[in-house]
Amino acid sequence: MLEEAAAYHVEPKEPSNKDKKNKKEKKEKKTDKI
């Protein structure tokens, strides 16, 4: 559920390369924490 929401949020923010990278890093960190 969370992963899907994150992917959905990143999709519309494709032009934001910085945001995409930041979100990807956050996602990896979250997965590591779980």
PDB file of N, CA and C in Angstrom:
ATOM      1  N   MET A   1       0.847  -1.198   0.000  1.00  0.00           N
ATOM      2  CA  MET A   1       0.000   0.000   0.000  1.00  0.00           C
ATOM      3  C   MET A   1       0.891   1.261   0.000  1.00  0.00           C
ATOM      4  N   LEU A   2       1.837   1.289   0.906  1.00  0.00           N
ATOM      5  CA  LEU A   2       2.706   2.466   0.996  1.00  0.00           C
ATOM      6  C   LEU A   2       3.554   2.591  -0.266  1.00  0.00           C
ATOM      7  N   GLU A   3       4.084   1.456  -0.702  1.00  0.00           N
ATOM      8  CA  GLU A   3       4.936   1.484  -1.897  1.00  0.00           C
ATOM      9  C   GLU A   3       4.151   1.990  -3.103  1.00  0.00           C
ATOM     10  N   GLU A   4       2.933   1.508  -3.251  1.00  0.00           N
ATOM     11  CA  GLU A   4       2.123   1.915  -4.392  1.00  0.00           C
ATOM     12  C   GLU A   4       1.852   3.419  -4.323  1.00  0.00           C
ATOM     13  N   ALA A   5       1.535   3.910  -3.150  1.00  0.00           N
ATOM     14  CA  ALA A   5       1.245   5.339  -2.977  1.00  0.00           C
ATOM     15  C   ALA A   5       2.492   6.151  -3.336  1.00  0.00           C
ATOM     16  N   ALA A   6       3.641   5.685  -2.903  1.00  0.00           N
ATOM     17  CA  ALA A   6       4.885   6.408  -3.197  1.00  0.00           C
ATOM     18  C   ALA A   6       5.121   6.444  -4.705  1.00  0.00           C
ATOM     19  N   ALA A   7       4.934   5.312  -5.350  1.00  0.00           N
ATOM     20  CA  ALA A   7       5.139   5.250  -6.801  1.00  0.00           C
ATOM     21  C   ALA A   7       4.162   6.201  -7.491  1.00  0.00           C
ATOM     22  N   TYR A   8       2.939   6.226  -7.013  1.00  0.00           N
ATOM     23  CA  TYR A   8       1.918   7.087  -7.612  1.00  0.00           C
ATOM     24  C   TYR A   8       2.307   8.555  -7.436  1.00  0.00           C
ATOM     25  N   HIS A   9       2.882   8.869  -6.293  1.00  0.00           N
ATOM     26  CA  HIS A   9       3.277  10.254  -6.025  1.00  0.00           C
ATOM     27  C   HIS A   9       4.489  10.638  -6.870  1.00  0.00           C
ATOM     28  N   VAL A  10       5.366   9.689  -7.107  1.00  0.00           N
ATOM     29  CA  VAL A  10       6.578   9.978  -7.889  1.00  0.00           C
ATOM     30  C   VAL A  10       6.232  10.140  -9.366  1.00  0.00           C
ATOM     31  N   GLU A  11       5.249   9.399  -9.834  1.00  0.00           N
ATOM     32  CA  GLU A  11       4.883   9.463 -11.263  1.00  0.00           C
ATOM     33  C   GLU A  11       4.607  10.893 -11.727  1.00  0.00           C
ATOM     34  N   PRO A  12       3.694  11.605 -11.097  1.00  0.00           N
ATOM     35  CA  PRO A  12       3.388  12.962 -11.533  1.00  0.00           C
ATOM     36  C   PRO A  12       4.556  13.913 -11.310  1.00  0.00           C
ATOM     37  N   LYS A  13       5.491  13.516 -10.458  1.00  0.00           N
ATOM     38  CA  LYS A  13       6.632  14.393 -10.189  1.00  0.00           C
ATOM     39  C   LYS A  13       7.847  13.967 -11.012  1.00  0.00           C
ATOM     40  N   GLU A  14       7.594  13.410 -12.184  1.00  0.00           N
ATOM     41  CA  GLU A  14       8.708  12.937 -13.018  1.00  0.00           C
ATOM     42  C   GLU A  14       9.664  14.074 -13.386  1.00  0.00           C
ATOM     43  N   PRO A  15       9.160  15.243 -13.748  1.00  0.00           N
ATOM     44  CA  PRO A  15      10.048  16.347 -14.133  1.00  0.00           C
ATOM     45  C   PRO A  15      10.990  16.743 -13.003  1.00  0.00           C
ATOM     46  N   SER A  16      10.617  16.419 -11.783  1.00  0.00           N
ATOM     47  CA  SER A  16      11.478  16.760 -10.641  1.00  0.00           C
ATOM     48  C   SER A  16      12.476  15.632 -10.404  1.00  0.00           C
ATOM     49  N   ASN A  17      13.605  15.710 -11.056  1.00  0.00           N
ATOM     50  CA  ASN A  17      14.613  14.656 -10.889  1.00  0.00           C
ATOM     51  C   ASN A  17      15.117  14.622  -9.450  1.00  0.00           C
ATOM     52  N   LYS A  18      15.315  15.804  -8.882  1.00  0.00           N
ATOM     53  CA  LYS A  18      15.822  15.872  -7.509  1.00  0.00           C
ATOM     54  C   LYS A  18      14.817  15.213  -6.560  1.00  0.00           C
ATOM     55  N   ASP A  19      13.560  15.564  -6.729  1.00  0.00           N
ATOM     56  CA  ASP A  19      12.517  15.009  -5.859  1.00  0.00           C
ATOM     57  C   ASP A  19      12.458  13.493  -6.013  1.00  0.00           C
ATOM     58  N   LYS A  20      12.560  13.048  -7.254  1.00  0.00           N
ATOM     59  CA  LYS A  20      12.470  11.602  -7.514  1.00  0.00           C
ATOM     60  C   LYS A  20      13.611  10.884  -6.777  1.00  0.00           C
ATOM     61  N   LYS A  21      14.816  11.420  -6.885  1.00  0.00           N
ATOM     62  CA  LYS A  21      15.963  10.784  -6.232  1.00  0.00           C
ATOM     63  C   LYS A  21      15.760  10.788  -4.711  1.00  0.00           C
ATOM     64  N   ASN A  22      15.296  11.911  -4.208  1.00  0.00           N
ATOM     65  CA  ASN A  22      15.094  12.023  -2.762  1.00  0.00           C
ATOM     66  C   ASN A  22      14.062  11.010  -2.296  1.00  0.00           C
ATOM     67  N   LYS A  23      12.978  10.910  -3.033  1.00  0.00           N
ATOM     68  CA  LYS A  23      11.912   9.979  -2.638  1.00  0.00           C
ATOM     69  C   LYS A  23      12.422   8.545  -2.718  1.00  0.00           C
ATOM     70  N   LYS A  24      13.223   8.262  -3.730  1.00  0.00           N
ATOM     71  CA  LYS A  24      13.735   6.896  -3.884  1.00  0.00           C
ATOM     72  C   LYS A  24      14.608   6.562  -2.669  1.00  0.00           C
ATOM     73  N   GLU A  25      15.442   7.490  -2.269  1.00  0.00           N
ATOM     74  CA  GLU A  25      16.318   7.247  -1.119  1.00  0.00           C
ATOM     75  C   GLU A  25      15.478   7.043   0.137  1.00  0.00           C
ATOM     76  N   LYS A  26      14.463   7.869   0.299  1.00  0.00           N
ATOM     77  CA  LYS A  26      13.595   7.747   1.479  1.00  0.00           C
ATOM     78  C   LYS A  26      12.901   6.391   1.466  1.00  0.00           C
ATOM     79  N   LYS A  27      12.464   5.986   0.284  1.00  0.00           N
ATOM     80  CA  LYS A  27      11.754   4.707   0.168  1.00  0.00           C
ATOM     81  C   LYS A  27      12.700   3.571   0.594  1.00  0.00           C
ATOM     82  N   GLU A  28      13.932   3.631   0.125  1.00  0.00           N
ATOM     83  CA  GLU A  28      14.892   2.574   0.467  1.00  0.00           C
ATOM     84  C   GLU A  28      15.127   2.566   1.979  1.00  0.00           C
ATOM     85  N   LYS A  29      15.226   3.750   2.540  1.00  0.00           N
ATOM     86  CA  LYS A  29      15.468   3.838   3.984  1.00  0.00           C
ATOM     87  C   LYS A  29      14.287   3.239   4.740  1.00  0.00           C
ATOM     88  N   LYS A  30      13.090   3.541   4.286  1.00  0.00           N
ATOM     89  CA  LYS A  30      11.883   3.024   4.948  1.00  0.00           C
ATOM     90  C   LYS A  30      11.873   1.496   4.869  1.00  0.00           C
ATOM     91  N   THR A  31      12.218   0.964   3.720  1.00  0.00           N
ATOM     92  CA  THR A  31      12.215  -0.493   3.555  1.00  0.00           C
ATOM     93  C   THR A  31      13.262  -1.103   4.495  1.00  0.00           C
ATOM     94  N   ASP A  32      14.366  -0.387   4.665  1.00  0.00           N
ATOM     95  CA  ASP A  32      15.420  -0.894   5.534  1.00  0.00           C
ATOM     96  C   ASP A  32      14.928  -0.915   6.986  1.00  0.00           C
ATOM     97  N   LYS A  33      14.171   0.111   7.337  1.00  0.00           N
ATOM     98  CA  LYS A  33      13.683   0.215   8.718  1.00  0.00           C
ATOM     99  C   LYS A  33      12.670  -0.889   9.013  1.00  0.00           C
ATOM    100  N   ILE A  34      11.839  -1.188   8.053  1.00  0.00           N
ATOM    101  CA  ILE A  34      10.753  -2.172   8.282  1.00  0.00           C
ATOM    102  C   ILE A  34      11.316  -3.521   8.704  1.00  0.00           C
TER     103      ILE A  34
END
